[in-house]
Structures are given as structure tokens and as C-alpha cells.
Amino acid sequence: MTLSFSPTNLPTQIFLNNEHVPSQSQRTFSVSNPTDGTTVCDIVPISDETDVNTAVNNAQAAFPSWKKLTGTSRQAILLRFASLIDQHAETLGHLNRLTLGAPYKAFGELEIKKAADAFRYYAGWIDKFAGETFPPENGFMLIPRHEPLGVTAGIVPWNGPMGIMGVKAAPALATGNCFILKPSEKTPFSALALGELIREAGFPPGVFQVLSGDGSTGALLARHMKIRKVSFTGSVETGRKIQTMAAESNLKRVTLELGGKSPAVVFDDCDLGNAVSWCVNAITMNSGQTCIAASRVYVQEGVWGRFIEMYKAALEERAWLIGDPELETTRMGPLVDEAQFNRVTEFIAQGCEDPQATLLTGGKRVGEKGFYVEPTAFVGVQPESRLYQEEVFGPVAIVNSFRTEEEAIQRANATEYGLMAGVFTQDISKAMRVAGEFESGMVGINCVSLNFLKTPFGGCKQSGMGRECGRSALESYTEPKTIMVNLNSSL
């Protein structure tokens, strides 16, 4: 098949019951191109209560037959969908790039591949996610099993529209749930274009639907009495609201991935070139707009001077690769929009005004149009600073020195975030010891700011609750049920 949507023919209808249809709402929003600030489209619909209710009713109608579909049949549908994503990766990437600005070769291609890989990975789980049986004891056989929740929803952020769609939708659908996708209002087009691929893959009507919208649409999903789970990735502020709405409605299950302020601890005995490479890539990937970005770097005094020299040079070299995301040579594109640009530059301005902080490199706008910012690093930032404590979500890092292992651990844990951390050393005993002390859901040893489909992804403290990826995601989309068989009674 050929995907009918393209950058010159944008999808501007929601996808319900396997059809692209107009929203019942009269409200719309506009999206812009971050390379120059021009409007891309101003008629993207904001799904209203009628649209949400229709989607939920469709999903409820589809759920009984979808959950009973044989594992082989469900697996075939997910695998076909993965292949279709691969087949149309370039178009989906272009639809994202229009409003996200992430270079395809440096980020977009990998992000869309992650979406396809997620559907393949969870298709493989369908006939392997088994229950248990316990040997008879006291005349009873116990059979715990996993059952789908019903109608579920995923609220996806703008910084990874397709990849995060995959890690939410794939396990939900693999375990027999129906799924409603709500993309970010900043990057709606690739999600809306998925409708044709959903239908072509063979998903029955109502099983997988897409609703565009803003925060009001997300609130309708979080409050809906017939939605059994919402998986959300985004800000702490919005995550709190979703958790409250879920509790005040039907106590629906919630998974929250709410960002990070990830530390990287660099010890004297590390492979310095490796540490610099990982730390630079971690803060410049997707222009720093990733929740696992290593935005706090702590360097032991013995290698401080060499690290700072190499880190500064590498960031300045990366600055030369900022540009048009349509070019294959571009490694860094713009920030997603004016609001994000203003947020990031405000943090930079505060850092420059801080008498205890020193600008190491960067800090300037790149070009006269668009929302481009140089990779930026500060040294000497103190723990009470906003730059130290809050997620910037841009290519801005702080780099401080430390003397002892205990000091490094204390500083690494000195924020309310706990998503990702990294430790760089050639002493495996020290690496494992420090990794165990980090208050973080994920830790890299001689690496940082990465994740894998097969292992749990998520954080502690205000980085969220619950886990995505791996078996953990399957468990989060199912309800445990224990069946107790009395063997002393004739059946």
C-alpha cells in the first residue's frame, strides 16, 4: 500500500472505528515549523467529549472479540503493523519532522524503528506471557492468570511521537486490550496518519483508535469512567493532574513517566574519551529534548581539567552540526516551538546571571530565524539553583567537580528526579556499588541516557510511577486473577 498522507496532504481527521472522520468539536489548534516559525496547519481538531465517548464505546464493543482472538491471529496483526511502519518510515518521519524538527538520520529514523520494533517484540510475547499453577496443597490447586483490563489509553509526548506510541500501544494490544492513542498537540500528524496502517494491518474496528487534541482531550481520557488505564509521558505538573483525575473517577490504573534530571558521575579511573562521548551525545540528542538526557555531570577532581577541555571542545564541535533537519549531515535541529525556546533561553539567562555559575560554552541562539540553541554548559552551579534542580528539556547541562565517592552519590541524588543515572569507571566493584546507591530507576555503567525494549523503563521519586517496556509493561496492562480449584469436590 501507499500511505496517502504526506507533508503536502496532512491528516486532519481523527481515526475512529477504522475510519478517518471529522471531529464533532468545532475547536482546532495550529502547529508551526520550528525551523522558521511558520504555520504548518491551523485546522488540527481538538477532540471533545463526544469524540472521546464515541471512541470508548467503539472500544468497548470491540473488546470482547479482540481479547478472545487467538494469539496467533493477534500476533500476525501486530507483525503486519510493524512491517507497515517500516515500509512507511520515511513518510512518518517527515510528518514528525515538520513540527518537531528532529533530524531524520540523527534521531527520527531510530525513533520510528523503535516503534516498529516494539510491535515485533510484544507480538513475540503473545504466546509466552503465561500464568502459573501451584502444586495442590490442602486439596486446592491455585491458578493465577493475566487478563486484559479492557479499554486503555496512551497520552504521548511530542519529543518521541512514534517511539513512545510503540511502547504504550504494543503491550496494550498484545495483551488483548483496546487502545486509544492521544498524540501531543505539538506533533499530531504521524499518529493521525497511522489510521491507514491500522486498518491495513487488520486491526478490527474499535481496537486501535487515534484522537488528536490538547490538554482538555487528555483530561477527558483521564476522567473517563470506562477507561481502565491511562499511560502518560510528560511533565510532573500534568502527571499529578492525571493521577488526581484517575483517582477521582474510577480509580483507573495509571503509568506515569515524568521526566528526569539525570546525573552522570565520572571517576578518575574512567575511559575519559568514552565518558565525554556519552555525556555529549546524551545532552545533544534530539536537541536535549529527552527525559533521560544527562543534564548533570559530576567529574572527580583528578580528571576535571582534561574532562572539561574535551567536553567543551566536543560540544562546540556539535554546534557546527546544527542546522536544517532535512539535511543528512545535520545532527541537531531546533527546539520544538517558541514556547520551548523561551523556556530554555530563560534557564540559560538565569545561569548567566548567577554569580556562582560560569558559562563554559554555548548559550546563544543559532541563526536569526527558527528555534535553534547552541549546546550549553555551566560549571559551578549550586544545588539551590533552578538550573540544578529542574528539567530544562534542552541542550543545557551543568558540570561540577567532586572529591569522594560519597560526595558524588550525595550530589547525584540531590534532586526530586530519579529516572536515569550513569557512572563512568573501570573499577567494576565501585561501579556496582555506586549504581546501587543511585536513587534512579535505571543506571548505566560506562554509558548513560539509553534504554531497551526488553528491560523496565521508568523512574522513582517525581520521575513517575510504574514501568514501561519488558515484561513489566505486559503486567501493567493486565489484571491478575487467581482461580482456586477445590480438588476434594467433584466438579
Protein backbone atom coordinates (compact mmCIF):
# COMPACT_ATOMS: atom_id res chain seq x y z
CA MET A 1 0.00 0.00 0.00
CA THR A 2 0.99 3.65 -0.34
CA LEU A 3 0.31 5.99 2.55
CA SER A 4 -1.91 8.73 1.17
CA PHE A 5 -0.78 11.33 3.72
CA SER A 6 2.32 13.43 3.12
CA PRO A 7 3.76 16.82 4.10
CA THR A 8 1.58 18.36 1.38
CA ASN A 9 -1.51 16.31 2.30
CA LEU A 10 -1.68 16.38 6.08
CA PRO A 11 -4.05 14.19 8.13
CA THR A 12 -6.53 16.47 9.85
CA GLN A 13 -9.21 13.99 10.90
CA ILE A 14 -9.39 11.71 13.90
CA PHE A 15 -9.43 7.92 13.48
CA LEU A 16 -12.45 6.09 14.94
CA ASN A 17 -13.66 2.56 14.25
CA ASN A 18 -11.13 2.15 11.40
CA GLU A 19 -12.23 5.33 9.61
CA HIS A 20 -10.83 8.83 9.38
CA VAL A 21 -13.75 11.04 10.38
CA PRO A 22 -14.25 14.72 11.27
CA SER A 23 -14.19 15.59 14.94
CA GLN A 24 -17.53 16.58 16.44
CA SER A 25 -15.76 19.50 18.07
CA GLN A 26 -15.58 22.88 16.39
CA ARG A 27 -12.28 23.64 18.11
CA THR A 28 -8.93 23.34 16.40
CA PHE A 29 -5.30 24.17 17.08
CA SER A 30 -2.35 25.20 14.95
CA VAL A 31 1.18 23.83 14.72
CA SER A 32 4.31 25.53 13.41
CA ASN A 33 7.58 24.61 11.75
CA PRO A 34 10.36 25.08 14.33
CA THR A 35 12.97 25.81 11.66
CA ASP A 36 11.38 29.16 10.80
CA GLY A 37 8.26 29.59 12.96
CA THR A 38 5.83 29.45 10.03
CA THR A 39 2.42 27.85 10.44
CA VAL A 40 2.21 24.28 9.13
CA CYS A 41 -1.50 23.75 9.78
CA ASP A 42 -4.22 25.53 11.76
CA ILE A 43 -7.10 23.04 11.49
CA VAL A 44 -5.96 20.11 13.62
CA PRO A 45 -9.05 19.06 15.60
CA ILE A 46 -9.34 19.12 19.38
CA SER A 47 -11.37 16.00 20.19
CA ASP A 48 -14.22 16.77 22.56
CA GLU A 49 -16.36 14.73 24.94
CA THR A 50 -18.49 13.34 22.12
CA ASP A 51 -15.40 12.13 20.26
CA VAL A 52 -13.94 10.54 23.38
CA ASN A 53 -17.22 8.83 24.25
CA THR A 54 -17.53 7.52 20.71
CA ALA A 55 -14.01 6.11 20.84
CA VAL A 56 -14.64 4.45 24.20
CA ASN A 57 -17.96 2.98 23.06
CA ASN A 58 -16.29 1.61 19.92
CA ALA A 59 -13.52 0.09 22.02
CA GLN A 60 -15.97 -1.47 24.46
CA ALA A 61 -17.85 -3.06 21.59
CA ALA A 62 -14.64 -4.43 20.09
CA PHE A 63 -13.08 -5.67 23.32
CA PRO A 64 -14.91 -9.00 23.86
CA SER A 65 -13.92 -10.40 20.46
CA TRP A 66 -10.42 -8.87 20.45
CA LYS A 67 -9.45 -10.39 23.80
CA LYS A 68 -10.71 -13.80 22.63
CA LEU A 69 -8.90 -13.66 19.29
CA THR A 70 -6.34 -16.44 19.08
CA GLY A 71 -2.83 -15.50 20.00
CA THR A 72 -1.62 -16.48 16.54
CA SER A 73 -4.09 -14.14 14.86
CA ARG A 74 -3.31 -11.23 17.19
CA GLN A 75 0.39 -11.82 16.70
CA ALA A 76 0.03 -11.71 12.91
CA ILE A 77 -1.76 -8.35 13.08
CA LEU A 78 0.93 -6.78 15.27
CA LEU A 79 3.68 -8.09 12.99
CA ARG A 80 1.94 -6.73 9.89
CA PHE A 81 1.59 -3.36 11.59
CA ALA A 82 5.31 -3.34 12.43
CA SER A 83 6.16 -4.06 8.81
CA LEU A 84 3.89 -1.27 7.62
CA ILE A 85 5.59 1.19 9.97
CA ASP A 86 8.93 0.15 8.49
CA GLN A 87 7.57 0.44 4.96
CA HIS A 88 6.37 3.99 5.56
CA ALA A 89 9.09 5.12 7.96
CA GLU A 90 10.31 7.93 5.74
CA THR A 91 6.83 9.44 5.36
CA LEU A 92 6.07 9.09 9.08
CA GLY A 93 9.44 10.64 9.87
CA HIS A 94 8.74 13.58 7.60
CA LEU A 95 5.33 14.13 9.20
CA ASN A 96 7.07 14.26 12.61
CA ARG A 97 9.90 16.43 11.38
CA LEU A 98 7.51 19.12 10.12
CA THR A 99 6.68 20.21 13.66
CA LEU A 100 9.36 18.54 15.82
CA GLY A 101 12.43 19.47 13.81
CA ALA A 102 14.47 16.39 14.76
CA PRO A 103 16.92 15.32 12.02
CA TYR A 104 15.84 12.03 10.48
CA LYS A 105 19.24 10.36 10.40
CA ALA A 106 20.29 11.55 13.86
CA PHE A 107 17.01 10.82 15.66
CA GLY A 108 13.83 10.37 13.61
CA GLU A 109 14.84 7.17 11.85
CA LEU A 110 15.82 5.46 15.11
CA GLU A 111 12.66 6.65 16.84
CA ILE A 112 10.37 5.20 14.18
CA LYS A 113 12.37 1.97 14.11
CA LYS A 114 11.77 1.73 17.85
CA ALA A 115 8.01 1.87 17.23
CA ALA A 116 8.16 -0.99 14.73
CA ASP A 117 10.48 -2.98 16.99
CA ALA A 118 8.07 -2.54 19.91
CA PHE A 119 5.25 -4.18 17.97
CA ARG A 120 7.52 -7.04 16.91
CA TYR A 121 8.81 -7.50 20.45
CA TYR A 122 5.36 -7.65 22.02
CA ALA A 123 3.97 -9.80 19.22
CA GLY A 124 6.59 -12.31 20.29
CA TRP A 125 5.30 -12.21 23.87
CA ILE A 126 1.71 -13.08 22.97
CA ASP A 127 2.16 -16.86 23.23
CA LYS A 128 4.73 -16.64 26.04
CA PHE A 129 3.03 -14.46 28.64
CA ALA A 130 1.69 -17.37 30.63
CA GLY A 131 0.09 -17.70 34.02
CA GLU A 132 1.14 -20.12 36.75
CA THR A 133 -0.06 -23.20 38.56
CA PHE A 134 0.90 -24.22 42.07
CA PRO A 135 1.12 -27.86 43.15
CA PRO A 136 -2.02 -28.98 45.01
CA GLU A 137 -1.82 -28.25 48.72
CA ASN A 138 -4.55 -28.85 51.28
CA GLY A 139 -6.77 -30.05 48.46
CA PHE A 140 -6.61 -26.86 46.36
CA MET A 141 -4.98 -26.14 43.01
CA LEU A 142 -4.14 -22.45 42.53
CA ILE A 143 -4.04 -20.96 39.03
CA PRO A 144 -3.01 -17.28 38.77
CA ARG A 145 -3.57 -15.83 35.29
CA HIS A 146 -3.36 -12.48 33.49
CA GLU A 147 -6.46 -10.89 31.99
CA PRO A 148 -6.70 -7.70 29.88
CA LEU A 149 -8.07 -4.58 31.53
CA GLY A 150 -10.41 -3.51 28.71
CA VAL A 151 -10.30 -0.01 27.23
CA THR A 152 -6.91 1.66 27.73
CA ALA A 153 -5.38 4.94 26.59
CA GLY A 154 -1.94 6.38 25.94
CA ILE A 155 -1.09 10.09 26.10
CA VAL A 156 2.13 10.55 24.16
CA PRO A 157 4.59 13.48 24.34
CA TRP A 158 5.98 15.45 21.42
CA ASN A 159 9.64 14.54 21.79
CA GLY A 160 9.24 10.91 20.66
CA PRO A 161 5.85 10.65 18.95
CA MET A 162 6.26 7.25 17.28
CA GLY A 163 8.68 5.50 19.60
CA ILE A 164 6.66 6.23 22.73
CA MET A 165 3.46 5.32 20.87
CA GLY A 166 5.02 1.90 20.30
CA VAL A 167 6.00 1.23 23.90
CA LYS A 168 2.48 2.13 25.07
CA ALA A 169 0.23 0.69 22.35
CA ALA A 170 2.09 -2.55 21.58
CA PRO A 171 1.89 -4.18 25.04
CA ALA A 172 -1.70 -2.98 25.49
CA LEU A 173 -2.82 -4.56 22.23
CA ALA A 174 -0.69 -7.68 22.67
CA THR A 175 -2.42 -8.48 25.95
CA GLY A 176 -5.91 -8.16 24.45
CA ASN A 177 -6.81 -4.59 25.42
CA CYS A 178 -8.27 -1.95 23.12
CA PHE A 179 -6.20 1.21 22.89
CA ILE A 180 -6.91 4.92 22.31
CA LEU A 181 -3.90 7.00 21.30
CA LYS A 182 -3.78 10.70 22.07
CA PRO A 183 -0.69 12.35 20.49
CA SER A 184 0.77 15.65 21.61
CA GLU A 185 -0.72 18.78 20.10
CA LYS A 186 2.82 19.71 19.02
CA THR A 187 3.38 16.57 16.90
CA PRO A 188 -0.02 15.16 15.83
CA PHE A 189 0.48 14.17 12.18
CA SER A 190 2.31 10.84 12.29
CA ALA A 191 -0.21 9.49 14.80
CA LEU A 192 -3.20 10.61 12.75
CA ALA A 193 -1.61 9.07 9.63
CA LEU A 194 -1.37 5.70 11.40
CA GLY A 195 -5.06 5.08 10.78
CA GLU A 196 -4.43 3.75 7.27
CA LEU A 197 -1.77 1.38 8.60
CA ILE A 198 -4.01 0.24 11.47
CA ARG A 199 -6.74 -0.70 9.01
CA GLU A 200 -4.32 -2.31 6.56
CA ALA A 201 -2.70 -4.39 9.31
CA GLY A 202 -6.05 -5.99 10.11
CA PHE A 203 -6.95 -4.50 13.49
CA PRO A 204 -10.73 -4.89 13.89
CA PRO A 205 -12.72 -1.63 14.12
CA GLY A 206 -12.56 -0.04 17.55
CA VAL A 207 -9.43 -1.86 18.71
CA PHE A 208 -6.88 0.89 17.94
CA GLN A 209 -8.10 4.49 17.59
CA VAL A 210 -6.46 7.94 17.45
CA LEU A 211 -7.77 11.21 18.91
CA SER A 212 -5.90 14.46 18.39
CA GLY A 213 -6.35 17.23 20.90
CA ASP A 214 -4.85 19.33 23.65
CA GLY A 215 -4.84 19.01 27.42
CA SER A 216 -8.63 19.07 27.53
CA THR A 217 -8.75 15.86 25.48
CA GLY A 218 -6.22 14.21 27.78
CA ALA A 219 -8.33 15.22 30.78
CA LEU A 220 -11.41 13.60 29.25
CA LEU A 221 -9.48 10.34 28.87
CA ALA A 222 -8.07 10.52 32.40
CA ARG A 223 -11.52 11.15 33.89
CA HIS A 224 -13.48 8.69 31.77
CA MET A 225 -15.36 6.13 33.84
CA LYS A 226 -14.97 3.35 31.27
CA ILE A 227 -11.27 3.66 30.56
CA ARG A 228 -9.36 1.23 32.76
CA LYS A 229 -5.83 2.53 32.32
CA VAL A 230 -4.02 5.64 31.15
CA SER A 231 -0.32 5.62 30.35
CA PHE A 232 1.11 9.14 30.29
CA THR A 233 4.52 10.56 29.42
CA GLY A 234 5.09 14.25 30.06
CA SER A 235 5.61 16.83 32.77
CA VAL A 236 5.35 16.33 36.54
CA GLU A 237 2.65 19.00 36.72
CA THR A 238 0.41 17.26 34.19
CA GLY A 239 1.19 13.85 35.67
CA ARG A 240 -0.13 14.98 39.05
CA LYS A 241 -3.35 16.16 37.42
CA ILE A 242 -3.82 12.86 35.59
CA GLN A 243 -3.26 10.87 38.76
CA THR A 244 -5.84 13.02 40.55
CA MET A 245 -8.37 12.66 37.72
CA ALA A 246 -7.86 8.90 37.67
CA ALA A 247 -8.44 8.68 41.41
CA GLU A 248 -11.48 10.94 41.34
CA SER A 249 -13.14 8.99 38.53
CA ASN A 250 -12.94 5.18 38.53
CA LEU A 251 -9.55 4.58 40.18
CA LYS A 252 -8.16 3.62 36.80
CA ARG A 253 -4.64 2.29 36.65
CA VAL A 254 -2.02 4.92 35.79
CA THR A 255 1.52 4.69 34.49
CA LEU A 256 3.44 7.97 34.68
CA GLU A 257 6.80 8.77 33.08
CA LEU A 258 7.51 12.32 34.14
CA GLY A 259 11.00 13.24 33.12
CA GLY A 260 14.36 13.49 34.77
CA LYS A 261 17.45 15.42 35.75
CA SER A 262 19.86 12.61 35.08
CA PRO A 263 23.33 12.64 36.68
CA ALA A 264 26.48 11.22 35.12
CA VAL A 265 29.32 10.58 37.59
CA VAL A 266 32.80 10.49 36.05
CA PHE A 267 35.56 8.97 38.20
CA ASP A 268 39.31 9.50 37.85
CA ASP A 269 39.89 5.95 36.58
CA CYS A 270 37.39 6.05 33.72
CA ASP A 271 37.97 5.83 29.98
CA LEU A 272 37.80 9.59 29.57
CA GLY A 273 37.08 9.62 25.84
CA ASN A 274 34.18 7.23 26.36
CA ALA A 275 32.75 9.32 29.20
CA VAL A 276 32.93 12.54 27.19
CA SER A 277 31.32 10.91 24.15
CA TRP A 278 28.37 9.53 26.12
CA CYS A 279 27.80 12.74 28.07
CA VAL A 280 27.88 14.93 24.96
CA ASN A 281 25.59 12.67 22.97
CA ALA A 282 23.22 12.46 25.93
CA ILE A 283 22.67 16.22 26.18
CA THR A 284 22.53 16.94 22.43
CA MET A 285 20.35 14.03 21.25
CA ASN A 286 17.06 15.49 19.97
CA SER A 287 18.48 18.91 20.96
CA GLY A 288 18.41 17.86 24.61
CA GLN A 289 14.67 17.24 24.47
CA THR A 290 14.77 13.79 26.07
CA CYS A 291 13.76 12.78 29.57
CA ILE A 292 16.92 10.68 30.05
CA ALA A 293 19.38 13.41 28.99
CA ALA A 294 22.50 13.55 31.19
CA SER A 295 21.97 17.15 32.26
CA ARG A 296 24.08 16.99 35.45
CA VAL A 297 27.69 15.84 35.11
CA TYR A 298 29.90 15.31 38.17
CA VAL A 299 33.61 14.89 37.50
CA GLN A 300 36.24 13.75 40.01
CA GLU A 301 38.96 16.31 40.64
CA GLY A 302 41.77 14.18 39.20
CA VAL A 303 40.38 14.36 35.65
CA TRP A 304 38.46 17.63 35.96
CA GLY A 305 40.74 19.70 33.77
CA ARG A 306 41.04 17.16 30.96
CA PHE A 307 37.32 16.34 31.01
CA ILE A 308 36.28 19.99 30.86
CA GLU A 309 38.62 20.63 27.95
CA MET A 310 37.38 17.61 25.97
CA TYR A 311 33.70 18.14 26.88
CA LYS A 312 33.78 21.82 25.85
CA ALA A 313 35.51 21.00 22.55
CA ALA A 314 33.02 18.22 21.78
CA LEU A 315 30.00 20.45 22.48
CA GLU A 316 31.43 23.19 20.27
CA GLU A 317 32.08 20.67 17.51
CA ARG A 318 28.47 19.51 17.79
CA ALA A 319 27.34 23.12 17.45
CA TRP A 320 28.76 23.12 13.92
CA LEU A 321 26.31 20.33 13.06
CA ILE A 322 23.20 22.35 13.98
CA GLY A 323 21.00 23.11 11.00
CA ASP A 324 18.21 22.13 8.68
CA PRO A 325 16.76 18.79 9.88
CA GLU A 326 16.11 17.87 6.24
CA LEU A 327 19.86 17.55 5.62
CA GLU A 328 21.56 14.23 6.34
CA THR A 329 24.61 15.99 7.78
CA THR A 330 22.58 17.73 10.50
CA ARG A 331 22.98 16.27 13.98
CA MET A 332 20.96 18.85 15.93
CA GLY A 333 17.77 20.56 14.86
CA PRO A 334 15.74 23.32 16.52
CA LEU A 335 13.78 23.19 19.74
CA VAL A 336 10.20 22.15 19.11
CA ASP A 337 8.50 25.58 19.23
CA GLU A 338 8.67 29.12 20.53
CA ALA A 339 7.37 28.19 23.98
CA GLN A 340 10.13 25.63 24.46
CA PHE A 341 12.71 28.02 23.03
CA ASN A 342 11.65 30.69 25.53
CA ARG A 343 11.80 28.21 28.40
CA VAL A 344 15.30 27.02 27.52
CA THR A 345 16.69 30.50 26.91
CA GLU A 346 15.20 31.68 30.22
CA PHE A 347 17.17 28.96 32.03
CA ILE A 348 20.31 29.97 30.15
CA ALA A 349 19.78 33.64 31.06
CA GLN A 350 19.36 32.75 34.74
CA GLY A 351 22.55 30.71 34.61
CA CYS A 352 24.44 33.61 33.08
CA GLU A 353 23.17 35.93 35.81
CA ASP A 354 24.09 33.53 38.63
CA PRO A 355 27.26 34.92 40.30
CA GLN A 356 28.33 31.42 41.39
CA ALA A 357 27.94 29.83 37.95
CA THR A 358 30.25 30.16 34.98
CA LEU A 359 29.24 29.66 31.37
CA LEU A 360 31.58 27.04 29.92
CA THR A 361 30.32 27.16 26.35
CA GLY A 362 27.27 27.93 24.24
CA GLY A 363 24.34 29.95 25.49
CA LYS A 364 23.46 31.67 22.25
CA ARG A 365 20.73 31.45 19.66
CA VAL A 366 21.84 30.00 16.33
CA GLY A 367 20.68 31.96 13.28
CA GLU A 368 18.09 34.67 13.03
CA LYS A 369 15.01 32.51 12.50
CA GLY A 370 13.78 29.27 13.93
CA PHE A 371 14.32 27.98 17.44
CA TYR A 372 17.94 26.85 17.37
CA VAL A 373 20.12 27.00 20.51
CA GLU A 374 23.80 26.14 20.94
CA PRO A 375 24.77 23.22 23.19
CA THR A 376 25.32 24.94 26.52
CA ALA A 377 27.17 24.01 29.71
CA PHE A 378 27.69 25.78 33.03
CA VAL A 379 30.17 24.99 35.81
CA GLY A 380 29.87 25.84 39.49
CA VAL A 381 26.05 25.70 39.59
CA GLN A 382 24.84 25.33 43.18
CA PRO A 383 22.18 22.88 44.41
CA GLU A 384 19.65 25.62 45.22
CA SER A 385 19.63 26.85 41.62
CA ARG A 386 16.71 26.09 39.28
CA LEU A 387 19.27 25.04 36.70
CA TYR A 388 20.45 22.35 39.13
CA GLN A 389 17.04 21.13 40.25
CA GLU A 390 14.62 21.50 37.33
CA GLU A 391 14.38 19.74 33.99
CA VAL A 392 15.31 22.19 31.23
CA PHE A 393 14.47 19.88 28.31
CA GLY A 394 17.01 21.47 26.03
CA PRO A 395 20.75 21.16 25.26
CA VAL A 396 21.81 22.63 28.62
CA ALA A 397 23.99 20.83 31.17
CA ILE A 398 25.75 21.65 34.41
CA VAL A 399 29.23 20.25 35.18
CA ASN A 400 30.57 20.21 38.74
CA SER A 401 33.56 18.58 40.40
CA PHE A 402 33.70 16.20 43.38
CA ARG A 403 36.34 14.59 45.57
CA THR A 404 34.95 11.41 47.08
CA GLU A 405 32.58 8.65 46.09
CA GLU A 406 30.26 9.57 48.96
CA GLU A 407 30.12 13.18 47.79
CA ALA A 408 29.31 12.10 44.23
CA ILE A 409 26.44 9.89 45.37
CA GLN A 410 25.02 12.63 47.60
CA ARG A 411 25.09 15.16 44.75
CA ALA A 412 23.65 12.73 42.22
CA ASN A 413 20.67 12.06 44.49
CA ALA A 414 20.09 15.72 45.39
CA THR A 415 17.04 16.33 43.21
CA GLU A 416 13.45 15.12 43.20
CA TYR A 417 14.00 13.23 39.94
CA GLY A 418 15.16 9.63 39.65
CA LEU A 419 14.89 8.36 36.08
CA MET A 420 18.38 7.71 34.69
CA ALA A 421 21.92 7.86 36.02
CA GLY A 422 25.36 6.92 34.76
CA VAL A 423 28.68 6.02 36.35
CA PHE A 424 31.98 6.00 34.50
CA THR A 425 34.82 3.96 35.98
CA GLN A 426 36.97 0.95 35.13
CA ASP A 427 36.55 -0.47 38.65
CA ILE A 428 33.55 -2.80 38.38
CA SER A 429 33.21 -3.15 42.14
CA LYS A 430 32.95 0.62 42.52
CA ALA A 431 30.61 0.83 39.55
CA MET A 432 28.19 -1.70 41.03
CA ARG A 433 28.43 -0.12 44.48
CA VAL A 434 27.63 3.36 43.16
CA ALA A 435 24.89 2.06 40.86
CA GLY A 436 23.23 0.50 43.88
CA GLU A 437 23.29 3.83 45.74
CA PHE A 438 21.74 5.92 42.96
CA GLU A 439 18.09 6.84 43.55
CA SER A 440 17.21 6.05 39.97
CA GLY A 441 15.08 3.62 38.02
CA MET A 442 17.87 2.97 35.50
CA VAL A 443 21.65 3.15 35.73
CA GLY A 444 24.28 2.90 33.01
CA ILE A 445 27.82 1.76 33.72
CA ASN A 446 30.23 3.42 31.28
CA CYS A 447 27.16 4.61 29.39
CA VAL A 448 24.17 6.84 30.08
CA SER A 449 20.87 8.03 28.61
CA LEU A 450 19.69 4.90 26.84
CA ASN A 451 17.02 2.23 27.27
CA PHE A 452 15.99 -1.13 25.85
CA LEU A 453 12.63 -2.63 24.93
CA LYS A 454 13.30 -5.80 26.91
CA THR A 455 14.01 -4.13 30.27
CA PRO A 456 11.80 -1.96 32.52
CA PHE A 457 11.82 1.77 31.72
CA GLY A 458 10.77 4.26 34.37
CA GLY A 459 11.90 6.13 37.43
CA CYS A 460 11.41 6.83 41.10
CA LYS A 461 10.59 9.95 43.11
CA GLN A 462 8.96 12.57 40.86
CA SER A 463 10.15 10.86 37.70
CA GLY A 464 6.95 8.87 37.87
CA MET A 465 5.37 5.58 38.80
CA GLY A 466 5.10 2.22 37.09
CA ARG A 467 7.29 0.81 34.34
CA GLU A 468 7.12 0.53 30.58
CA CYS A 469 8.98 -1.95 28.34
CA GLY A 470 9.83 -5.57 29.02
CA ARG A 471 7.52 -7.91 30.88
CA SER A 472 6.67 -5.07 33.25
CA ALA A 473 4.54 -3.42 30.55
CA LEU A 474 2.54 -6.58 29.98
CA GLU A 475 1.81 -6.82 33.69
CA SER A 476 0.75 -3.17 33.80
CA TYR A 477 -1.90 -3.79 31.12
CA THR A 478 -3.35 -6.92 32.73
CA GLU A 479 -5.27 -7.79 35.86
CA PRO A 480 -4.05 -10.77 37.90
CA LYS A 481 -6.79 -13.28 38.60
CA THR A 482 -6.35 -16.30 40.86
CA ILE A 483 -8.54 -19.32 40.20
CA MET A 484 -8.81 -21.78 43.13
CA VAL A 485 -9.87 -25.33 42.34
CA ASN A 486 -11.16 -27.47 45.19
CA LEU A 487 -9.88 -30.95 44.35
CA ASN A 488 -11.87 -32.53 47.17
CA SER A 489 -15.18 -31.80 45.47
CA SER A 490 -16.44 -33.44 42.30
CA LEU A 491 -16.82 -30.84 39.53
